[in-house]
Amino acid sequence: MPTSKMADWFGGSALKALSHLGGTKWQTWFVVFVFLSILTTATDQISELARSSLVGAWMLVPFGVLAVVSGLLYRVSRSAARQLVPRADVENSPRPVKVLILFLSPPGNLDDYKKISGKLDDPTLGRKFGTLRWRMPIAAIQHHISRLERVIVMASSGNCGTFGHVKAFEGLVAALLPRGHTLRIETSGEYLGLQAYKGVDFEDPKELIDELGRIYAKLRDDRVKEHDILIDVTGGTKVNTSAAVAFASLVPDRAFQYVSTNTYQVKSFDVTWDLEAFSGG
């Protein structure tokens, strides 16, 4: 097995094991550390006994300890997987981030947006949009404008998709930028450097999750911290919302946001394992 594939296999196996034990919190790492310590001690004892004259029945002692501990760890992990429940920490008006990933919905009548005047640093801008469909993505961007450096737009593919409206959305955002403010706005395909890119199938959760994974991987390569990234799940379909929530949940420092269609308030959600409930705390 090539080294890179072996590393991927070990990494994937470790993540699966940690997920059964309750994620990647310090409690999980402590349990794994204790098990690895016992494993190391047992294998050292087996090696010592093999080099000494104490063979035979004595060899069964470290093997027995290892078997018992492995069995206990297996039972604990299986029990934890059944009892753990997710917990969603909701933050009203979250801290502005550097990168926003959003799903683009259809705009409605594009001529209505030509009547909008104002800038993203104007707190009354939202009211000028009224009930226009792009009020929510504009509100999502406006909330983070003080720190926002990049907006990655995920548009839907197909004849009725929103990929054809990306340029209009980019133009709208550019017109609303405060004087002297720069903001990089591009499709996920442009950011990933994909050729002949025509959007994403908003009805295919695997394609959506794969694309989000590639975006996050490239952002990490660009030295962007995960706590400085938010996925806005307001736009698009129920399928893409579910896929984005699944992708962002139960991973440290990974969160998503939603713009209320009633109050237009931005809320972020950080979904983690509820270890306190599991431990009875």
Protein backbone atom coordinates (compact mmCIF):
# COMPACT_ATOMS: atom_id res chain seq x y z
CA MET A 1 0.00 0.00 0.00
CA PRO A 2 1.51 3.42 -0.97
CA THR A 3 2.44 5.70 1.92
CA SER A 4 -0.20 8.35 1.12
CA LYS A 5 -2.98 5.75 0.87
CA MET A 6 -1.81 4.11 4.10
CA ALA A 7 -1.87 7.50 5.85
CA ASP A 8 -5.37 8.15 4.53
CA TRP A 9 -6.49 4.70 5.72
CA PHE A 10 -5.07 5.19 9.21
CA GLY A 11 -6.48 8.72 9.39
CA GLY A 12 -9.92 7.59 8.30
CA SER A 13 -9.89 4.68 10.72
CA ALA A 14 -8.84 6.97 13.57
CA LEU A 15 -11.63 9.43 12.82
CA LYS A 16 -14.21 6.64 12.72
CA ALA A 17 -12.96 5.33 16.07
CA LEU A 18 -13.02 8.80 17.60
CA SER A 19 -16.54 9.43 16.32
CA HIS A 20 -17.75 6.27 18.09
CA LEU A 21 -16.07 7.45 21.27
CA GLY A 22 -17.63 10.89 21.11
CA GLY A 23 -15.76 13.10 18.67
CA THR A 24 -12.42 14.83 19.04
CA LYS A 25 -12.79 16.49 22.44
CA TRP A 26 -10.10 16.16 25.14
CA GLN A 27 -12.08 13.44 26.92
CA THR A 28 -11.91 11.30 23.80
CA TRP A 29 -8.19 11.82 23.38
CA PHE A 30 -7.66 10.91 27.07
CA VAL A 31 -9.45 7.58 26.60
CA VAL A 32 -7.41 6.87 23.45
CA PHE A 33 -4.18 7.88 25.24
CA VAL A 34 -4.88 5.49 28.13
CA PHE A 35 -5.64 2.65 25.72
CA LEU A 36 -2.49 3.29 23.68
CA SER A 37 -0.42 3.43 26.86
CA ILE A 38 -1.75 0.05 27.94
CA LEU A 39 -1.21 -1.31 24.43
CA THR A 40 2.40 -0.10 24.40
CA THR A 41 3.09 -1.56 27.85
CA ALA A 42 1.56 -4.93 26.91
CA THR A 43 3.52 -5.21 23.66
CA ASP A 44 6.74 -4.26 25.49
CA GLN A 45 6.10 -6.98 28.05
CA ILE A 46 5.48 -9.52 25.29
CA SER A 47 8.80 -8.57 23.67
CA GLU A 48 10.65 -8.81 27.00
CA LEU A 49 9.17 -12.22 27.78
CA ALA A 50 10.02 -13.47 24.29
CA ARG A 51 13.69 -12.55 24.87
CA SER A 52 13.79 -14.08 28.34
CA SER A 53 13.45 -17.59 29.65
CA LEU A 54 9.97 -16.85 31.04
CA VAL A 55 7.94 -18.28 28.21
CA GLY A 56 4.94 -20.55 28.09
CA ALA A 57 2.06 -19.62 30.38
CA TRP A 58 3.65 -16.26 31.30
CA MET A 59 3.16 -15.13 27.71
CA LEU A 60 -0.60 -15.33 28.22
CA VAL A 61 -0.60 -12.56 30.87
CA PRO A 62 0.07 -9.53 28.62
CA PHE A 63 -2.07 -11.07 25.87
CA GLY A 64 -4.89 -11.46 28.39
CA VAL A 65 -4.57 -7.86 29.61
CA LEU A 66 -4.59 -6.61 26.03
CA ALA A 67 -7.67 -8.67 25.17
CA VAL A 68 -9.58 -7.47 28.24
CA VAL A 69 -8.74 -3.80 27.66
CA SER A 70 -9.60 -4.05 23.94
CA GLY A 71 -12.92 -5.66 24.81
CA LEU A 72 -13.73 -2.93 27.34
CA LEU A 73 -12.82 -0.21 24.87
CA TYR A 74 -15.03 -1.79 22.24
CA ARG A 75 -17.99 -1.99 24.63
CA VAL A 76 -17.50 1.59 25.82
CA SER A 77 -17.30 2.93 22.26
CA ARG A 78 -20.41 1.02 21.19
CA SER A 79 -22.30 2.27 24.24
CA ALA A 80 -21.14 5.85 23.67
CA ALA A 81 -22.21 5.76 20.02
CA ARG A 82 -25.74 4.79 21.11
CA GLN A 83 -26.06 7.28 23.96
CA LEU A 84 -24.39 10.40 22.58
CA VAL A 85 -26.66 13.10 21.17
CA PRO A 86 -25.73 16.24 19.24
CA ARG A 87 -25.95 19.68 20.84
CA ALA A 88 -26.46 22.86 18.85
CA ASP A 89 -24.95 26.04 20.29
CA VAL A 90 -26.79 28.98 18.73
CA GLU A 91 -25.13 32.38 18.56
CA ASN A 92 -27.17 35.44 17.69
CA SER A 93 -25.19 37.98 15.69
CA PRO A 94 -22.03 35.84 15.41
CA ARG A 95 -18.51 37.21 15.18
CA PRO A 96 -17.74 38.35 11.60
CA VAL A 97 -15.59 35.91 9.61
CA LYS A 98 -13.17 36.21 6.70
CA VAL A 99 -14.78 33.69 4.34
CA LEU A 100 -18.46 33.12 3.65
CA ILE A 101 -19.75 30.21 1.57
CA LEU A 102 -23.34 30.65 0.42
CA PHE A 103 -25.88 28.88 -1.77
CA LEU A 104 -27.46 31.14 -4.37
CA SER A 105 -31.24 31.15 -4.77
CA PRO A 106 -33.14 32.47 -7.80
CA PRO A 107 -33.37 36.30 -7.74
CA GLY A 108 -36.88 36.87 -9.01
CA ASN A 109 -37.16 39.95 -11.20
CA LEU A 110 -33.64 41.31 -11.70
CA ASP A 111 -34.96 44.74 -12.70
CA ASP A 112 -36.17 45.26 -9.11
CA TYR A 113 -32.57 45.29 -7.86
CA LYS A 114 -31.64 48.23 -10.09
CA LYS A 115 -33.76 50.45 -7.86
CA ILE A 116 -31.70 49.64 -4.75
CA SER A 117 -29.37 52.38 -3.54
CA GLY A 118 -27.11 52.26 -0.52
CA LYS A 119 -24.04 50.48 0.77
CA LEU A 120 -23.35 47.40 2.88
CA ASP A 121 -22.24 49.55 5.82
CA ASP A 122 -25.70 51.18 5.93
CA PRO A 123 -27.78 49.51 8.68
CA THR A 124 -31.01 50.48 6.88
CA LEU A 125 -30.02 48.77 3.62
CA GLY A 126 -32.07 45.66 4.31
CA ARG A 127 -35.36 47.57 4.41
CA LYS A 128 -34.73 48.85 0.88
CA PHE A 129 -34.77 45.27 -0.36
CA GLY A 130 -38.21 44.62 1.11
CA THR A 131 -39.21 41.07 0.26
CA LEU A 132 -36.79 40.60 -2.64
CA ARG A 133 -35.33 37.09 -2.68
CA TRP A 134 -31.72 38.18 -2.54
CA ARG A 135 -32.27 40.16 0.63
CA MET A 136 -31.09 37.15 2.67
CA PRO A 137 -27.70 36.61 0.96
CA ILE A 138 -27.08 40.36 1.04
CA ALA A 139 -27.90 40.36 4.78
CA ALA A 140 -25.50 37.43 5.23
CA ILE A 141 -22.69 39.36 3.54
CA GLN A 142 -23.54 42.63 5.27
CA HIS A 143 -23.22 41.05 8.70
CA HIS A 144 -19.60 40.07 8.04
CA ILE A 145 -18.54 43.03 5.91
CA SER A 146 -16.19 44.47 8.55
CA ARG A 147 -13.86 41.42 8.23
CA LEU A 148 -15.08 39.65 5.13
CA GLU A 149 -12.42 39.02 2.49
CA ARG A 150 -13.97 36.36 0.26
CA VAL A 151 -17.42 35.12 -0.71
CA ILE A 152 -17.62 31.70 -2.39
CA VAL A 153 -20.93 31.26 -4.21
CA MET A 154 -22.31 27.77 -4.77
CA ALA A 155 -24.84 27.99 -7.60
CA SER A 156 -27.14 25.27 -8.86
CA SER A 157 -26.62 23.64 -12.24
CA GLY A 158 -29.12 22.89 -14.98
CA ASN A 159 -31.35 24.94 -17.26
CA CYS A 160 -33.33 26.30 -14.32
CA GLY A 161 -30.29 26.62 -12.03
CA THR A 162 -28.87 29.78 -10.52
CA PHE A 163 -25.46 29.50 -12.19
CA GLY A 164 -26.66 31.89 -14.89
CA HIS A 165 -27.46 34.52 -12.25
CA VAL A 166 -24.01 34.56 -10.62
CA LYS A 167 -22.74 37.56 -12.62
CA ALA A 168 -25.84 39.57 -11.70
CA PHE A 169 -25.32 38.73 -8.04
CA GLU A 170 -21.63 39.66 -8.20
CA GLY A 171 -22.57 42.97 -9.83
CA LEU A 172 -25.15 43.69 -7.14
CA VAL A 173 -22.66 43.04 -4.34
CA ALA A 174 -19.98 45.13 -6.08
CA ALA A 175 -22.41 48.06 -6.37
CA LEU A 176 -23.21 47.83 -2.65
CA LEU A 177 -19.59 47.74 -1.42
CA PRO A 178 -18.58 50.72 0.71
CA ARG A 179 -16.04 53.08 -0.80
CA GLY A 180 -12.50 51.70 -0.54
CA HIS A 181 -13.69 48.23 0.48
CA THR A 182 -12.49 45.23 -1.53
CA LEU A 183 -14.17 41.85 -1.54
CA ARG A 184 -13.35 38.77 -3.60
CA ILE A 185 -16.55 37.10 -4.80
CA GLU A 186 -16.42 34.01 -7.03
CA THR A 187 -18.13 30.72 -7.68
CA SER A 188 -16.91 27.54 -6.02
CA GLY A 189 -15.71 26.39 -9.44
CA GLU A 190 -13.62 29.52 -9.93
CA TYR A 191 -12.11 29.21 -6.48
CA LEU A 192 -11.24 25.55 -7.09
CA GLY A 193 -9.88 26.30 -10.56
CA LEU A 194 -12.32 23.95 -12.30
CA GLN A 195 -12.67 24.15 -16.08
CA ALA A 196 -16.07 24.25 -17.85
CA TYR A 197 -17.77 24.65 -14.49
CA LYS A 198 -21.57 25.05 -14.65
CA GLY A 199 -22.64 24.82 -11.03
CA VAL A 200 -23.53 22.07 -8.57
CA ASP A 201 -26.52 19.76 -8.46
CA PHE A 202 -28.45 21.03 -5.44
CA GLU A 203 -30.35 17.72 -5.33
CA ASP A 204 -27.21 15.58 -4.96
CA PRO A 205 -25.98 15.60 -1.34
CA LYS A 206 -22.81 13.64 -2.14
CA GLU A 207 -21.77 16.14 -4.82
CA LEU A 208 -22.49 19.03 -2.45
CA ILE A 209 -20.53 17.54 0.44
CA ASP A 210 -17.62 16.63 -1.84
CA GLU A 211 -17.48 20.19 -3.16
CA LEU A 212 -17.61 21.68 0.33
CA GLY A 213 -14.80 19.34 1.34
CA ARG A 214 -12.64 20.51 -1.55
CA ILE A 215 -13.36 24.15 -0.70
CA TYR A 216 -12.37 23.66 2.95
CA ALA A 217 -9.23 21.78 1.93
CA LYS A 218 -8.14 24.63 -0.35
CA LEU A 219 -8.97 27.23 2.30
CA ARG A 220 -6.74 25.34 4.71
CA ASP A 221 -4.00 25.38 2.08
CA ASP A 222 -4.56 29.14 1.86
CA ARG A 223 -4.00 29.31 5.64
CA VAL A 224 -7.59 30.23 6.52
CA LYS A 225 -8.63 28.93 9.93
CA GLU A 226 -11.88 26.98 10.10
CA HIS A 227 -13.29 29.31 12.76
CA ASP A 228 -12.94 32.10 10.17
CA ILE A 229 -15.25 30.30 7.72
CA LEU A 230 -19.04 30.06 7.79
CA ILE A 231 -21.43 28.25 5.47
CA ASP A 232 -24.67 30.16 4.92
CA VAL A 233 -27.46 27.62 4.46
CA THR A 234 -30.30 30.09 3.89
CA GLY A 235 -30.48 29.80 0.10
CA GLY A 236 -31.01 26.90 -2.25
CA THR A 237 -33.00 23.76 -1.53
CA LYS A 238 -33.70 21.58 1.48
CA VAL A 239 -31.24 19.03 0.12
CA ASN A 240 -28.30 21.44 -0.07
CA THR A 241 -29.19 22.81 3.37
CA SER A 242 -29.20 19.30 4.85
CA ALA A 243 -25.91 18.46 3.11
CA ALA A 244 -24.23 21.63 4.39
CA VAL A 245 -25.50 21.09 7.94
CA ALA A 246 -24.23 17.49 7.85
CA PHE A 247 -20.85 18.65 6.56
CA ALA A 248 -20.46 21.37 9.20
CA SER A 249 -21.75 19.39 12.17
CA LEU A 250 -19.69 17.49 14.77
CA VAL A 251 -16.38 18.87 13.50
CA PRO A 252 -14.40 21.20 15.80
CA ASP A 253 -14.43 24.90 14.77
CA ARG A 254 -16.78 24.23 11.84
CA ALA A 255 -20.14 26.00 11.89
CA PHE A 256 -22.96 27.23 9.66
CA GLN A 257 -25.26 30.24 9.70
CA TYR A 258 -28.84 31.05 8.76
CA VAL A 259 -30.58 34.33 7.98
CA SER A 260 -34.09 34.43 9.42
CA THR A 261 -36.73 34.99 6.76
CA ASN A 262 -38.82 36.85 9.35
CA THR A 263 -36.37 39.12 11.18
CA TYR A 264 -33.40 38.87 8.75
CA GLN A 265 -31.18 38.33 11.77
CA VAL A 266 -28.04 36.25 11.26
CA LYS A 267 -27.58 33.27 13.58
CA SER A 268 -24.73 30.77 13.64
CA PHE A 269 -24.93 27.15 14.76
CA ASP A 270 -22.12 25.01 16.15
CA VAL A 271 -23.24 21.38 16.41
CA THR A 272 -21.10 19.19 18.66
CA TRP A 273 -21.52 16.06 20.77
CA ASP A 274 -23.25 16.75 24.08
CA LEU A 275 -20.64 15.13 26.33
CA GLU A 276 -22.08 16.74 29.46
CA ALA A 277 -25.43 15.01 28.92
CA PHE A 278 -23.62 11.73 28.26
CA SER A 279 -21.64 11.97 31.50
CA GLY A 280 -24.66 13.06 33.48
CA GLY A 281 -23.17 16.53 34.09
